[in-house]
Amino acid sequence: MRNIRLATVGDSQAIAEAHVLGWRAAYRGIVPDIVLDGLSVDARAAQWRGRLDEAAASERRAWVIEVDRRVQGFAVTAPTRDEDDDAARTSELMAIYLHPDAWGVGLGRELVSHALADVHTRGWREVSLWVFESNARARRFYEKAGFAGDGGRKSVTQGDKALIEVRCRRVLATPGVAG
């Protein structure tokens, strides 16, 4: 049985596992191996405990998707961090990761749909996200979810490697209009 719910601090370890294993599987060949191999589930769990504790007092929402009561992945939304965007109008899909064993069965689509419905209900009209330009799999996933590149680009450094991220955007349906 599948279930999507708000994440709690008690989900930190499971979220960290999906995050680290998801990074290793998705970014091998993109992000340097030394960075991926250096990721720690325990360290990431500690970060998630702090983030989830802070989220309760902010506009940030973290969702988990469970299968048979076991967390398989998560998504995080918040007001956009981009200075060239209006945070009152644009939310950001800051992260979405699934445990690699859960890839390809529709959990990611369900999680994105749920997160987008939530930000729309809370009044945002657009959602943006950043994705590695060279991550073809993720870019296809986001395109199928209705996102398209908007021309935004930035360079980020992972280990000793500079990578390009591209910004994608999706306009959400106007209230009362199908879309």
Foldseek 3Di string as FASTA:
>chain_A
DKDKDFDALVCLLLQLLQVLQQCCVQCVVPFDPVLSVPRDSVVSSVVVSVVRVVVVVFQKTKMFMDDPNRTFWIWIKHQDPDPVDDSQAEMEGEDIGGNVVPPPPCPRVVRVVVVVVVVVVVPHFKYKYKDFPPRVVVVVVVVVSAKDFPPDWDWDDRDNDITIITMIMHTHDDPPDDD
